[in-house]
Amino acid sequence: MSVHPPLAFYAPLKPPTHPNPSGDRLIATRLIHTLGLAGFNVELASTFRSYDGKGDINRQRRLSEIGNRLAERLIRRYRALPSAQRPRIWFTYHLYHKAPDWIGPKVCKALSIPYVVAEASYAGKQQRGPWALSLKATETALQQAALVISLNPTDQEGVGQLVPSARMHYLAPYLDLTPYISPSKTTREVLAARYNLDNNRVWLISVAMMRPGDKSESYRLLAESIRLCEASNVQLILVGGGKSEKVIHQYFSGLSHVSFTGLLTQKELIPLLQAADLMVWPAVNEAFGMSLLEAQACSTWVIAGGEGGVASVVHDGESGTLIPARNTQLMAKTISAFATSPERLSALGEAARTTCIKRHDETIAVTRLRTLLMPLATGRTV
């Protein structure tokens, strides 16, 4: 048996090779890297997207047919390989009724290998809804799973309807902290000139894609909070781009000291996160929010809406301040309180970084995944 057991990785919602940046793509890419560090030889099994955002039964049937054909093709390919090169485990990231896994369960049954899912959710109310077919596939996959790894604690109740607790495990969202904790060579003065920022103000930063739905609503609530904010010394920095840019720009019309940077690479973003005084984000229906974690790693205190799984990455009073969901008045008051006492922010930022290192470093995830998965792949405990 291989020293590094082969592992087939699949992300039905969005493959890690997808051209559009998103939290899903980031997490998929990070999981592949971490699984490699945990001792697996990771192969991307397929880039097939099973996503149906409209509840179109005909589209779901077509996706099911394509998925079944791809599964049969993979089975033939894997069986043609020498035994040591065949996958010892299948790992599906992000499974739910809008993006079911039509491939993995079938391959696992044919090869008699364990099926593992990370970040699954289950909405039983869809049993008679427009995604009923895809929901049934999700149910089948979860019931077959040897392990279900949760990155968002709020998903565990729904998934627990199908999966025994002994097969459910939590993995805290994580980052390779190295690039975030390394001091930036780009000074605040340089950043102020580059992005047209007022260096004498308290810098508030938000990082999110500008797309319709929850992200757009979060931006709208943020604009409302800034309008209600009594502090007159803030500079808002909005990092992101997407289909809703024009609409989101309009939300902030008439507000002074608001800068839109557009999409930034990680290398461009990190100096801004390190230079910012506060990260602010309403986080409407946020699964957890990787940018909130990135800010903490950069020693930036977070003010966020306590919605979805945000509390799993923003530890209230330790690495940030959680606001009741969609409460713009309290968000505004909290921003004002911190902005009018900027001398506190450096110490709070360091506390956020310390908490991030303690709870969300990639090395913790490497050990956790190795402990959970290696026995399944090799038959030996770690």
Foldseek 3Di string as FASTA:
>chain_A
DDQAAEEEEEEQAADLPDPDDDPQNVVNVVVQVLSVVLRHDYDHLDGHHQADPPLAVVSNVVSLVVQVVSQVVSLVVLVVDPPRNHHQEYEYEEAELRGHRSHPVSNCVSVVHAYEYEAYAADPVCCVPSSVVSNVRSLVSLLRHQAYEYQFVVRCVRSCVRHPPVRYYYDHAADQLVVQQPDDPQDPVNVCVVFVADSQAAEEEEEHAQDPDPQLVFLLLVLLLQVLAPDPRYAYEYEYYDDRVVVSVVSNPPPPRYTYPYHDDPVVVSVVLLSHLEYEILQGQPCADVVLLSSLSSLHEYEYEPDHRNCSRHPDPQRYHYDHHSPSNVSSVVVNVCRVVVVCRNVSSVSSNVVNVVRHHSVVVSVVCSQPPVCSSPVDGD
